[in-house]
């Protein structure tokens, strides 16, 4: 069954718009990856400053291949962390801290049609 990776990003109020713009600007970087199934950027509503970056993959190998290929390239050039500035310097990350959670999908359901 599928696996889920959730990147937990602590983001200050002042950096929320920056983070969301950076994810918007990188649209399409993951969608064509072999084994990719789903992506969501979850914005905190109340009680936390943590965004959740939810990705779902066919298997661990697909996720690792993406991490070593497109993801690594995107982060070296800015990617979701930001686009390179005019002089090529890498912008400051929008998140103060991050953690990666990993899960296997044990059960799933979809709406009945």
PDB file of N, CA and C in Angstrom:
ATOM      1  N   UNK A   1       0.831  -1.193   0.000  1.00  0.00           N
ATOM      2  CA  UNK A   1       0.000   0.000   0.000  1.00  0.00           C
ATOM      3  C   UNK A   1       0.870   1.249   0.000  1.00  0.00           C
ATOM      4  N   UNK A   2       0.285   2.371  -0.235  1.00  0.00           N
ATOM      5  CA  UNK A   2       0.986   3.649  -0.344  1.00  0.00           C
ATOM      6  C   UNK A   2       1.650   4.067   0.965  1.00  0.00           C
ATOM      7  N   UNK A   3       2.576   5.027   0.829  1.00  0.00           N
ATOM      8  CA  UNK A   3       3.184   5.656   1.992  1.00  0.00           C
ATOM      9  C   UNK A   3       2.878   7.150   1.946  1.00  0.00           C
ATOM     10  N   UNK A   4       2.888   7.767   3.118  1.00  0.00           N
ATOM     11  CA  UNK A   4       2.634   9.204   3.245  1.00  0.00           C
ATOM     12  C   UNK A   4       3.829   9.833   3.945  1.00  0.00           C
ATOM     13  N   UNK A   5       4.275  10.958   3.406  1.00  0.00           N
ATOM     14  CA  UNK A   5       5.339  11.750   4.020  1.00  0.00           C
ATOM     15  C   UNK A   5       4.737  13.114   4.337  1.00  0.00           C
ATOM     16  N   UNK A   6       4.872  13.543   5.577  1.00  0.00           N
ATOM     17  CA  UNK A   6       4.365  14.846   5.997  1.00  0.00           C
ATOM     18  C   UNK A   6       5.535  15.661   6.526  1.00  0.00           C
ATOM     19  N   UNK A   7       5.821  16.753   5.847  1.00  0.00           N
ATOM     20  CA  UNK A   7       6.858  17.678   6.305  1.00  0.00           C
ATOM     21  C   UNK A   7       6.161  18.730   7.161  1.00  0.00           C
ATOM     22  N   UNK A   8       6.551  18.817   8.417  1.00  0.00           N
ATOM     23  CA  UNK A   8       5.958  19.755   9.376  1.00  0.00           C
ATOM     24  C   UNK A   8       6.849  20.989   9.426  1.00  0.00           C
ATOM     25  N   UNK A   9       6.299  22.131   9.004  1.00  0.00           N
ATOM     26  CA  UNK A   9       7.068  23.371   8.921  1.00  0.00           C
ATOM     27  C   UNK A   9       6.539  24.398   9.911  1.00  0.00           C
ATOM     28  N   UNK A  10       7.392  24.857  10.820  1.00  0.00           N
ATOM     29  CA  UNK A  10       7.020  25.941  11.740  1.00  0.00           C
ATOM     30  C   UNK A  10       7.276  27.259  11.025  1.00  0.00           C
ATOM     31  N   UNK A  11       6.209  28.043  10.826  1.00  0.00           N
ATOM     32  CA  UNK A  11       6.292  29.267  10.028  1.00  0.00           C
ATOM     33  C   UNK A  11       5.675  30.425  10.804  1.00  0.00           C
ATOM     34  N   UNK A  12       6.426  31.518  10.942  1.00  0.00           N
ATOM     35  CA  UNK A  12       5.896  32.694  11.636  1.00  0.00           C
ATOM     36  C   UNK A  12       4.802  33.339  10.796  1.00  0.00           C
ATOM     37  N   UNK A  13       3.968  34.110  11.446  1.00  0.00           N
ATOM     38  CA  UNK A  13       2.878  34.832  10.771  1.00  0.00           C
ATOM     39  C   UNK A  13       3.420  35.665   9.609  1.00  0.00           C
ATOM     40  N   UNK A  14       4.574  36.301   9.811  1.00  0.00           N
ATOM     41  CA  UNK A  14       5.161  37.183   8.794  1.00  0.00           C
ATOM     42  C   UNK A  14       5.640  36.411   7.564  1.00  0.00           C
ATOM     43  N   UNK A  15       5.930  35.122   7.712  1.00  0.00           N
ATOM     44  CA  UNK A  15       6.487  34.327   6.610  1.00  0.00           C
ATOM     45  C   UNK A  15       5.455  33.446   5.893  1.00  0.00           C
ATOM     46  N   UNK A  16       4.212  33.424   6.376  1.00  0.00           N
ATOM     47  CA  UNK A  16       3.196  32.557   5.775  1.00  0.00           C
ATOM     48  C   UNK A  16       2.999  32.822   4.285  1.00  0.00           C
ATOM     49  N   UNK A  17       2.819  34.075   3.917  1.00  0.00           N
ATOM     50  CA  UNK A  17       2.587  34.417   2.514  1.00  0.00           C
ATOM     51  C   UNK A  17       3.784  34.015   1.656  1.00  0.00           C
ATOM     52  N   UNK A  18       4.985  34.242   2.162  1.00  0.00           N
ATOM     53  CA  UNK A  18       6.205  33.859   1.442  1.00  0.00           C
ATOM     54  C   UNK A  18       6.234  32.360   1.195  1.00  0.00           C
ATOM     55  N   UNK A  19       5.954  31.580   2.236  1.00  0.00           N
ATOM     56  CA  UNK A  19       5.951  30.126   2.096  1.00  0.00           C
ATOM     57  C   UNK A  19       4.934  29.685   1.044  1.00  0.00           C
ATOM     58  N   UNK A  20       3.727  30.195   1.133  1.00  0.00           N
ATOM     59  CA  UNK A  20       2.682  29.785   0.198  1.00  0.00           C
ATOM     60  C   UNK A  20       3.027  30.187  -1.236  1.00  0.00           C
ATOM     61  N   UNK A  21       3.606  31.362  -1.415  1.00  0.00           N
ATOM     62  CA  UNK A  21       4.019  31.797  -2.754  1.00  0.00           C
ATOM     63  C   UNK A  21       5.106  30.886  -3.311  1.00  0.00           C
ATOM     64  N   UNK A  22       6.033  30.490  -2.474  1.00  0.00           N
ATOM     65  CA  UNK A  22       7.105  29.611  -2.930  1.00  0.00           C
ATOM     66  C   UNK A  22       6.568  28.250  -3.355  1.00  0.00           C
ATOM     67  N   UNK A  23       5.615  27.708  -2.609  1.00  0.00           N
ATOM     68  CA  UNK A  23       5.023  26.434  -3.015  1.00  0.00           C
ATOM     69  C   UNK A  23       4.224  26.601  -4.303  1.00  0.00           C
ATOM     70  N   UNK A  24       3.539  27.708  -4.440  1.00  0.00           N
ATOM     71  CA  UNK A  24       2.781  27.993  -5.654  1.00  0.00           C
ATOM     72  C   UNK A  24       3.713  28.074  -6.866  1.00  0.00           C
ATOM     73  N   UNK A  25       4.851  28.718  -6.689  1.00  0.00           N
ATOM     74  CA  UNK A  25       5.812  28.909  -7.775  1.00  0.00           C
ATOM     75  C   UNK A  25       6.450  27.595  -8.205  1.00  0.00           C
ATOM     76  N   UNK A  26       6.472  26.607  -7.343  1.00  0.00           N
ATOM     77  CA  UNK A  26       7.096  25.332  -7.678  1.00  0.00           C
ATOM     78  C   UNK A  26       6.090  24.301  -8.165  1.00  0.00           C
ATOM     79  N   UNK A  27       4.864  24.728  -8.397  1.00  0.00           N
ATOM     80  CA  UNK A  27       3.824  23.815  -8.873  1.00  0.00           C
ATOM     81  C   UNK A  27       4.341  23.042 -10.073  1.00  0.00           C
ATOM     82  N   UNK A  28       4.099  21.751 -10.079  1.00  0.00           N
ATOM     83  CA  UNK A  28       4.511  20.910 -11.185  1.00  0.00           C
ATOM     84  C   UNK A  28       5.809  20.158 -10.952  1.00  0.00           C
ATOM     85  N   UNK A  29       6.582  20.518  -9.938  1.00  0.00           N
ATOM     86  CA  UNK A  29       7.862  19.847  -9.712  1.00  0.00           C
ATOM     87  C   UNK A  29       7.719  18.402  -9.249  1.00  0.00           C
ATOM     88  N   UNK A  30       6.643  18.084  -8.572  1.00  0.00           N
ATOM     89  CA  UNK A  30       6.481  16.731  -8.049  1.00  0.00           C
ATOM     90  C   UNK A  30       5.490  15.898  -8.869  1.00  0.00           C
ATOM     91  N   UNK A  31       4.558  16.537  -9.533  1.00  0.00           N
ATOM     92  CA  UNK A  31       3.445  15.845 -10.170  1.00  0.00           C
ATOM     93  C   UNK A  31       3.847  14.816 -11.220  1.00  0.00           C
ATOM     94  N   UNK A  32       4.966  15.008 -11.898  1.00  0.00           N
ATOM     95  CA  UNK A  32       5.392  14.077 -12.935  1.00  0.00           C
ATOM     96  C   UNK A  32       6.336  12.993 -12.420  1.00  0.00           C
ATOM     97  N   UNK A  33       6.593  12.979 -11.127  1.00  0.00           N
ATOM     98  CA  UNK A  33       7.524  11.997 -10.559  1.00  0.00           C
ATOM     99  C   UNK A  33       6.886  10.616 -10.520  1.00  0.00           C
ATOM    100  N   UNK A  34       7.665   9.617 -10.899  1.00  0.00           N
ATOM    101  CA  UNK A  34       7.193   8.237 -10.866  1.00  0.00           C
ATOM    102  C   UNK A  34       6.818   7.853  -9.444  1.00  0.00           C
ATOM    103  N   UNK A  35       5.648   7.312  -9.264  1.00  0.00           N
ATOM    104  CA  UNK A  35       5.194   6.870  -7.952  1.00  0.00           C
ATOM    105  C   UNK A  35       4.475   7.927  -7.135  1.00  0.00           C
ATOM    106  N   UNK A  36       4.454   9.178  -7.615  1.00  0.00           N
ATOM    107  CA  UNK A  36       3.756  10.250  -6.898  1.00  0.00           C
ATOM    108  C   UNK A  36       2.252  10.035  -7.009  1.00  0.00           C
ATOM    109  N   UNK A  37       1.527  10.230  -5.888  1.00  0.00           N
ATOM    110  CA  UNK A  37       0.072  10.056  -5.889  1.00  0.00           C
ATOM    111  C   UNK A  37      -0.699  11.299  -5.464  1.00  0.00           C
ATOM    112  N   UNK A  38      -0.152  12.110  -4.541  1.00  0.00           N
ATOM    113  CA  UNK A  38      -0.946  13.239  -4.034  1.00  0.00           C
ATOM    114  C   UNK A  38      -0.062  14.250  -3.329  1.00  0.00           C
ATOM    115  N   UNK A  39      -0.469  15.519  -3.376  1.00  0.00           N
ATOM    116  CA  UNK A  39       0.207  16.600  -2.660  1.00  0.00           C
ATOM    117  C   UNK A  39      -0.839  17.555  -2.098  1.00  0.00           C
ATOM    118  N   UNK A  40      -0.611  18.037  -0.879  1.00  0.00           N
ATOM    119  CA  UNK A  40      -1.415  19.118  -0.298  1.00  0.00           C
ATOM    120  C   UNK A  40      -0.523  19.942   0.622  1.00  0.00           C
ATOM    121  N   UNK A  41      -0.673  21.251   0.553  1.00  0.00           N
ATOM    122  CA  UNK A  41      -0.066  22.156   1.525  1.00  0.00           C
ATOM    123  C   UNK A  41      -1.191  22.569   2.458  1.00  0.00           C
ATOM    124  N   UNK A  42      -1.089  22.186   3.727  1.00  0.00           N
ATOM    125  CA  UNK A  42      -2.145  22.452   4.700  1.00  0.00           C
ATOM    126  C   UNK A  42      -1.761  23.647   5.565  1.00  0.00           C
ATOM    127  N   UNK A  43      -2.580  24.693   5.494  1.00  0.00           N
ATOM    128  CA  UNK A  43      -2.357  25.937   6.235  1.00  0.00           C
ATOM    129  C   UNK A  43      -2.971  25.815   7.629  1.00  0.00           C
ATOM    130  N   UNK A  44      -2.242  26.232   8.675  1.00  0.00           N
ATOM    131  CA  UNK A  44      -2.807  26.190  10.027  1.00  0.00           C
ATOM    132  C   UNK A  44      -3.962  27.187  10.166  1.00  0.00           C
ATOM    133  N   UNK A  45      -4.984  26.782  10.891  1.00  0.00           N
ATOM    134  CA  UNK A  45      -6.148  27.641  11.081  1.00  0.00           C
ATOM    135  C   UNK A  45      -6.108  28.296  12.456  1.00  0.00           C
ATOM    136  N   UNK A  46      -5.839  27.498  13.472  1.00  0.00           N
ATOM    137  CA  UNK A  46      -5.767  28.063  14.823  1.00  0.00           C
ATOM    138  C   UNK A  46      -4.946  27.153  15.720  1.00  0.00           C
ATOM    139  N   UNK A  47      -4.321  27.743  16.718  1.00  0.00           N
ATOM    140  CA  UNK A  47      -3.626  26.980  17.734  1.00  0.00           C
ATOM    141  C   UNK A  47      -2.234  26.483  17.380  1.00  0.00           C
ATOM    142  N   UNK A  48      -1.729  26.783  16.189  1.00  0.00           N
ATOM    143  CA  UNK A  48      -0.391  26.326  15.823  1.00  0.00           C
ATOM    144  C   UNK A  48       0.182  27.219  14.728  1.00  0.00           C
ATOM    145  N   UNK A  49       1.489  27.188  14.596  1.00  0.00           N
ATOM    146  CA  UNK A  49       2.149  27.909  13.502  1.00  0.00           C
ATOM    147  C   UNK A  49       2.700  26.916  12.480  1.00  0.00           C
ATOM    148  N   UNK A  50       2.245  25.663  12.548  1.00  0.00           N
ATOM    149  CA  UNK A  50       2.803  24.616  11.703  1.00  0.00           C
ATOM    150  C   UNK A  50       1.970  24.345  10.457  1.00  0.00           C
ATOM    151  N   UNK A  51       2.645  24.453   9.323  1.00  0.00           N
ATOM    152  CA  UNK A  51       2.085  24.015   8.050  1.00  0.00           C
ATOM    153  C   UNK A  51       2.426  22.541   7.895  1.00  0.00           C
ATOM    154  N   UNK A  52       1.560  21.794   7.223  1.00  0.00           N
ATOM    155  CA  UNK A  52       1.840  20.400   6.904  1.00  0.00           C
ATOM    156  C   UNK A  52       1.930  20.267   5.386  1.00  0.00           C
ATOM    157  N   UNK A  53       3.032  19.717   4.916  1.00  0.00           N
ATOM    158  CA  UNK A  53       3.214  19.433   3.495  1.00  0.00           C
ATOM    159  C   UNK A  53       2.993  17.934   3.348  1.00  0.00           C
ATOM    160  N   UNK A  54       1.841  17.577   2.794  1.00  0.00           N
ATOM    161  CA  UNK A  54       1.403  16.188   2.698  1.00  0.00           C
ATOM    162  C   UNK A  54       1.696  15.658   1.299  1.00  0.00           C
ATOM    163  N   UNK A  55       2.491  14.581   1.222  1.00  0.00           N
ATOM    164  CA  UNK A  55       2.680  13.903  -0.056  1.00  0.00           C
ATOM    165  C   UNK A  55       2.412  12.425   0.143  1.00  0.00           C
ATOM    166  N   UNK A  56       1.859  11.816  -0.901  1.00  0.00           N
ATOM    167  CA  UNK A  56       1.545  10.385  -0.882  1.00  0.00           C
ATOM    168  C   UNK A  56       2.251   9.742  -2.070  1.00  0.00           C
ATOM    169  N   UNK A  57       2.859   8.579  -1.814  1.00  0.00           N
ATOM    170  CA  UNK A  57       3.692   7.902  -2.798  1.00  0.00           C
ATOM    171  C   UNK A  57       3.320   6.428  -2.901  1.00  0.00           C
ATOM    172  N   UNK A  58       3.590   5.847  -4.060  1.00  0.00           N
ATOM    173  CA  UNK A  58       3.326   4.419  -4.282  1.00  0.00           C
ATOM    174  C   UNK A  58       4.129   3.572  -3.292  1.00  0.00           C
ATOM    175  N   UNK A  59       5.397   3.970  -3.065  1.00  0.00           N
ATOM    176  CA  UNK A  59       6.270   3.214  -2.168  1.00  0.00           C
ATOM    177  C   UNK A  59       7.445   4.088  -1.731  1.00  0.00           C
ATOM    178  N   UNK A  60       8.199   3.602  -0.774  1.00  0.00           N
ATOM    179  CA  UNK A  60       9.348   4.342  -0.237  1.00  0.00           C
ATOM    180  C   UNK A  60      10.390   4.610  -1.324  1.00  0.00           C
ATOM    181  N   UNK A  61      10.584   3.659  -2.220  1.00  0.00           N
ATOM    182  CA  UNK A  61      11.574   3.818  -3.285  1.00  0.00           C
ATOM    183  C   UNK A  61      11.231   5.000  -4.192  1.00  0.00           C
ATOM    184  N   UNK A  62       9.962   5.198  -4.502  1.00  0.00           N
ATOM    185  CA  UNK A  62       9.537   6.333  -5.332  1.00  0.00           C
ATOM    186  C   UNK A  62       9.834   7.650  -4.632  1.00  0.00           C
ATOM    187  N   UNK A  63       9.546   7.712  -3.332  1.00  0.00           N
ATOM    188  CA  UNK A  63       9.830   8.923  -2.563  1.00  0.00           C
ATOM    189  C   UNK A  63      11.331   9.207  -2.536  1.00  0.00           C
ATOM    190  N   UNK A  64      12.132   8.182  -2.270  1.00  0.00           N
ATOM    191  CA  UNK A  64      13.578   8.369  -2.193  1.00  0.00           C
ATOM    192  C   UNK A  64      14.150   8.805  -3.545  1.00  0.00           C
ATOM    193  N   UNK A  65      13.633   8.249  -4.638  1.00  0.00           N
ATOM    194  CA  UNK A  65      14.096   8.641  -5.979  1.00  0.00           C
ATOM    195  C   UNK A  65      13.798  10.116  -6.223  1.00  0.00           C
ATOM    196  N   UNK A  66      12.636  10.581  -5.789  1.00  0.00           N
ATOM    197  CA  UNK A  66      12.283  11.998  -5.939  1.00  0.00           C
ATOM    198  C   UNK A  66      13.180  12.868  -5.063  1.00  0.00           C
ATOM    199  N   UNK A  67      13.440  12.421  -3.838  1.00  0.00           N
ATOM    200  CA  UNK A  67      14.298  13.177  -2.921  1.00  0.00           C
ATOM    201  C   UNK A  67      15.715  13.327  -3.481  1.00  0.00           C
ATOM    202  N   UNK A  68      16.217  12.296  -4.140  1.00  0.00           N
ATOM    203  CA  UNK A  68      17.579  12.330  -4.677  1.00  0.00           C
ATOM    204  C   UNK A  68      17.663  12.969  -6.060  1.00  0.00           C
ATOM    205  N   UNK A  69      16.525  13.171  -6.705  1.00  0.00           N
ATOM    206  CA  UNK A  69      16.517  13.771  -8.035  1.00  0.00           C
ATOM    207  C   UNK A  69      15.908  15.161  -8.019  1.00  0.00           C
ATOM    208  N   UNK A  70      14.636  15.280  -8.439  1.00  0.00           N
ATOM    209  CA  UNK A  70      13.986  16.594  -8.552  1.00  0.00           C
ATOM    210  C   UNK A  70      13.974  17.413  -7.267  1.00  0.00           C
ATOM    211  N   UNK A  71      13.736  16.793  -6.137  1.00  0.00           N
ATOM    212  CA  UNK A  71      13.677  17.536  -4.869  1.00  0.00           C
ATOM    213  C   UNK A  71      15.037  18.140  -4.525  1.00  0.00           C
ATOM    214  N   UNK A  72      16.079  17.343  -4.678  1.00  0.00           N
ATOM    215  CA  UNK A  72      17.429  17.818  -4.372  1.00  0.00           C
ATOM    216  C   UNK A  72      17.801  18.991  -5.276  1.00  0.00           C
ATOM    217  N   UNK A  73      17.488  18.872  -6.563  1.00  0.00           N
ATOM    218  CA  UNK A  73      17.777  19.948  -7.518  1.00  0.00           C
ATOM    219  C   UNK A  73      16.995  21.207  -7.181  1.00  0.00           C
ATOM    220  N   UNK A  74      15.719  21.060  -6.833  1.00  0.00           N
ATOM    221  CA  UNK A  74      14.875  22.216  -6.518  1.00  0.00           C
ATOM    222  C   UNK A  74      15.395  22.949  -5.293  1.00  0.00           C
ATOM    223  N   UNK A  75      15.810  22.212  -4.273  1.00  0.00           N
ATOM    224  CA  UNK A  75      16.284  22.867  -3.053  1.00  0.00           C
ATOM    225  C   UNK A  75      17.649  23.505  -3.230  1.00  0.00           C
ATOM    226  N   UNK A  76      18.470  22.953  -4.107  1.00  0.00           N
ATOM    227  CA  UNK A  76      19.772  23.569  -4.358  1.00  0.00           C
ATOM    228  C   UNK A  76      19.610  24.884  -5.099  1.00  0.00           C
ATOM    229  N   UNK A  77      18.536  24.990  -5.898  1.00  0.00           N
ATOM    230  CA  UNK A  77      18.306  26.211  -6.656  1.00  0.00           C
ATOM    231  C   UNK A  77      17.248  27.099  -6.060  1.00  0.00           C
ATOM    232  N   UNK A  78      16.810  26.810  -4.855  1.00  0.00           N
ATOM    233  CA  UNK A  78      15.782  27.637  -4.225  1.00  0.00           C
ATOM    234  C   UNK A  78      14.544  26.822  -3.953  1.00  0.00           C
ATOM    235  N   UNK A  79      13.843  26.365  -5.012  1.00  0.00           N
ATOM    236  CA  UNK A  79      12.654  25.535  -4.866  1.00  0.00           C
ATOM    237  C   UNK A  79      11.647  26.104  -3.897  1.00  0.00           C
ATOM    238  N   UNK A  80      11.024  25.237  -3.096  1.00  0.00           N
ATOM    239  CA  UNK A  80      10.016  25.686  -2.134  1.00  0.00           C
ATOM    240  C   UNK A  80      10.631  26.563  -1.059  1.00  0.00           C
ATOM    241  N   UNK A  81      11.933  26.458  -0.898  1.00  0.00           N
ATOM    242  CA  UNK A  81      12.604  27.318   0.060  1.00  0.00           C
ATOM    243  C   UNK A  81      12.730  28.730  -0.472  1.00  0.00           C
ATOM    244  N   UNK A  82      12.572  28.886  -1.763  1.00  0.00           N
ATOM    245  CA  UNK A  82      12.629  30.209  -2.361  1.00  0.00           C
ATOM    246  C   UNK A  82      13.325  30.203  -3.694  1.00  0.00           C
ATOM    247  N   UNK A  83      13.108  31.205  -4.470  1.00  0.00           N
ATOM    248  CA  UNK A  83      13.763  31.344  -5.763  1.00  0.00           C
ATOM    249  C   UNK A  83      15.036  32.135  -5.566  1.00  0.00           C
ATOM    250  N   UNK A  84      16.033  31.814  -6.329  1.00  0.00           N
ATOM    251  CA  UNK A  84      17.306  32.519  -6.227  1.00  0.00           C
ATOM    252  C   UNK A  84      17.146  33.983  -6.566  1.00  0.00           C
ATOM    253  N   UNK A  85      17.836  34.839  -5.875  1.00  0.00           N
ATOM    254  CA  UNK A  85      17.761  36.280  -6.118  1.00  0.00           C
ATOM    255  C   UNK A  85      18.560  36.665  -7.334  1.00  0.00           C
ATOM    256  N   UNK A  86      18.565  37.977  -7.676  1.00  0.00           N
ATOM    257  CA  UNK A  86      19.248  38.441  -8.864  1.00  0.00           C
ATOM    258  C   UNK A  86      20.729  38.107  -8.865  1.00  0.00           C
ATOM    259  N   UNK A  87      21.362  38.085  -7.727  1.00  0.00           N
ATOM    260  CA  UNK A  87      22.785  37.788  -7.680  1.00  0.00           C
ATOM    261  C   UNK A  87      23.037  36.298  -7.476  1.00  0.00           C
ATOM    262  N   UNK A  88      21.944  35.480  -7.502  1.00  0.00           N
ATOM    263  CA  UNK A  88      22.078  34.040  -7.379  1.00  0.00           C
ATOM    264  C   UNK A  88      22.123  33.529  -5.945  1.00  0.00           C
ATOM    265  N   UNK A  89      22.079  34.419  -4.966  1.00  0.00           N
ATOM    266  CA  UNK A  89      22.113  33.942  -3.584  1.00  0.00           C
ATOM    267  C   UNK A  89      20.799  33.254  -3.259  1.00  0.00           C
ATOM    268  N   UNK A  90      20.892  32.304  -2.357  1.00  0.00           N
ATOM    269  CA  UNK A  90      19.718  31.547  -1.948  1.00  0.00           C
ATOM    270  C   UNK A  90      18.991  32.324  -0.856  1.00  0.00           C
ATOM    271  N   UNK A  91      17.681  32.536  -0.996  1.00  0.00           N
ATOM    272  CA  UNK A  91      16.938  33.283   0.022  1.00  0.00           C
ATOM    273  C   UNK A  91      16.820  32.498   1.331  1.00  0.00           C
ATOM    274  N   UNK A  92      16.536  33.217   2.398  1.00  0.00           N
ATOM    275  CA  UNK A  92      16.323  32.590   3.695  1.00  0.00           C
ATOM    276  C   UNK A  92      15.104  31.680   3.638  1.00  0.00           C
ATOM    277  N   UNK A  93      15.151  30.537   4.323  1.00  0.00           N
ATOM    278  CA  UNK A  93      13.966  29.679   4.388  1.00  0.00           C
ATOM    279  C   UNK A  93      12.815  30.404   5.083  1.00  0.00           C
ATOM    280  N   UNK A  94      11.588  30.130   4.657  1.00  0.00           N
ATOM    281  CA  UNK A  94      10.408  30.732   5.279  1.00  0.00           C
ATOM    282  C   UNK A  94      10.083  30.033   6.603  1.00  0.00           C
ATOM    283  N   UNK A  95      10.464  28.762   6.730  1.00  0.00           N
ATOM    284  CA  UNK A  95      10.184  28.007   7.950  1.00  0.00           C
ATOM    285  C   UNK A  95      11.342  28.124   8.932  1.00  0.00           C
ATOM    286  N   UNK A  96      11.015  28.223  10.213  1.00  0.00           N
ATOM    287  CA  UNK A  96      12.029  28.271  11.266  1.00  0.00           C
ATOM    288  C   UNK A  96      12.578  26.889  11.567  1.00  0.00           C
ATOM    289  N   UNK A  97      11.739  25.879  11.350  1.00  0.00           N
ATOM    290  CA  UNK A  97      12.093  24.520  11.744  1.00  0.00           C
ATOM    291  C   UNK A  97      11.242  23.560  10.929  1.00  0.00           C
ATOM    292  N   UNK A  98      11.751  22.353  10.706  1.00  0.00           N
ATOM    293  CA  UNK A  98      10.954  21.357  10.000  1.00  0.00           C
ATOM    294  C   UNK A  98      11.248  19.965  10.543  1.00  0.00           C
ATOM    295  N   UNK A  99      10.290  19.080  10.354  1.00  0.00           N
ATOM    296  CA  UNK A  99      10.431  17.676  10.734  1.00  0.00           C
ATOM    297  C   UNK A  99       9.692  16.855   9.695  1.00  0.00           C
ATOM    298  N   UNK A 100      10.186  15.660   9.396  1.00  0.00           N
ATOM    299  CA  UNK A 100       9.539  14.784   8.428  1.00  0.00           C
ATOM    300  C   UNK A 100       8.909  13.604   9.154  1.00  0.00           C
ATOM    301  N   UNK A 101       7.602  13.435   8.958  1.00  0.00           N
ATOM    302  CA  UNK A 101       6.885  12.286   9.517  1.00  0.00           C
ATOM    303  C   UNK A 101       6.639  11.300   8.386  1.00  0.00           C
ATOM    304  N   UNK A 102       6.720  10.007   8.674  1.00  0.00           N
ATOM    305  CA  UNK A 102       6.497   8.968   7.668  1.00  0.00           C
ATOM    306  C   UNK A 102       5.434   7.995   8.157  1.00  0.00           C
ATOM    307  N   UNK A 103       4.548   7.606   7.242  1.00  0.00           N
ATOM    308  CA  UNK A 103       3.454   6.699   7.562  1.00  0.00           C
ATOM    309  C   UNK A 103       3.235   5.718   6.424  1.00  0.00           C
ATOM    310  N   UNK A 104       2.744   4.535   6.756  1.00  0.00           N
ATOM    311  CA  UNK A 104       2.209   3.615   5.762  1.00  0.00           C
ATOM    312  C   UNK A 104       0.699   3.737   5.828  1.00  0.00           C
ATOM    313  N   UNK A 105       0.039   3.663   4.691  1.00  0.00           N
ATOM    314  CA  UNK A 105      -1.413   3.714   4.667  1.00  0.00           C
ATOM    315  C   UNK A 105      -1.923   2.336   5.077  1.00  0.00           C
ATOM    316  N   UNK A 106      -2.592   2.266   6.216  1.00  0.00           N
ATOM    317  CA  UNK A 106      -3.101   1.008   6.740  1.00  0.00           C
ATOM    318  C   UNK A 106      -4.533   0.736   6.285  1.00  0.00           C
ATOM    319  N   UNK A 107      -5.279   1.814   6.028  1.00  0.00           N
ATOM    320  CA  UNK A 107      -6.666   1.680   5.580  1.00  0.00           C
ATOM    321  C   UNK A 107      -7.030   2.964   4.856  1.00  0.00           C
ATOM    322  N   UNK A 108      -7.831   2.841   3.834  1.00  0.00           N
ATOM    323  CA  UNK A 108      -8.288   4.037   3.121  1.00  0.00           C
ATOM    324  C   UNK A 108      -9.722   3.860   2.675  1.00  0.00           C
ATOM    325  N   UNK A 109     -10.397   4.959   2.444  1.00  0.00           N
ATOM    326  CA  UNK A 109     -11.779   4.956   1.964  1.00  0.00           C
ATOM    327  C   UNK A 109     -11.944   6.137   1.028  1.00  0.00           C
ATOM    328  N   UNK A 110     -12.864   6.002   0.121  1.00  0.00           N
ATOM    329  CA  UNK A 110     -13.213   7.110  -0.777  1.00  0.00           C
ATOM    330  C   UNK A 110     -14.733   7.231  -0.810  1.00  0.00           C
ATOM    331  N   UNK A 111     -15.237   8.369  -1.263  1.00  0.00           N
ATOM    332  CA  UNK A 111     -16.690   8.538  -1.293  1.00  0.00           C
ATOM    333  C   UNK A 111     -17.371   7.483  -2.164  1.00  0.00           C
ATOM    334  N   UNK A 112     -18.528   7.061  -1.732  1.00  0.00           N
ATOM    335  CA  UNK A 112     -19.310   6.123  -2.551  1.00  0.00           C
ATOM    336  C   UNK A 112     -19.965   6.893  -3.669  1.00  0.00           C
ATOM    337  N   UNK A 113     -19.958   6.320  -4.849  1.00  0.00           N
ATOM    338  CA  UNK A 113     -20.589   7.004  -5.996  1.00  0.00           C
ATOM    339  C   UNK A 113     -21.901   6.377  -6.375  1.00  0.00           C
TER     340      UNK A 113
END
